Amino acid sequence: MSNAPTPRKHHTEKEEEEIVMSTLRRLLTAIDHGDYDTYCELNDAALTAFEPEAHGALVEGLTFHKLYLSCAARDSRSPTFCAQSTIASPRFQLLGENHALVAYTRLSQRVGADGVPHENATNETRVFGREGANGEWICLHFHRSPVS
């Protein structure tokens, strides 16, 4: 029995877009519900990010995000909690065979444990890359900024 990796199936650009967008939707759902395990599965351990909470600093790794996901997980246990993200106006671009970029506006809706609804819109760009022998797509970098 060979230990050689299983060859990766080659997809059309449209199929790759569908796979990456599905991964993105899973990632945003994990964020909405504070699912840190899935968040770690769908992001590179060396993830980099520019986001408002970092006040202009480049964030590296997953630790910075754990606090926010822990708070979302706590809220998600409340009977009044619900959250969802909608991907608006996505722009997908395949960058060679092993990288892809998605730019979009994320519309976030949340009803917190207090029962109060909150809405938010951010412009986000995410860079995905392939990982492992099966070539699973994971997020390598993102930039998030509020919509003015």
Foldseek 3Di string as FASTA:
>chain_A
DDPDFDAADDDDPVVVVVQVVVLVQQCQVCLQQLVVVSVPVQADQQAWEAEVVVVGDIDTGDPVVNVSSVVSNVFNVAPLKDKHKDWAPWDKDDDPDFKIKIWTKIWMWIQTSVRDIDIFIKTKMWMWGFDDSHGRIHTRYMYIDGDD
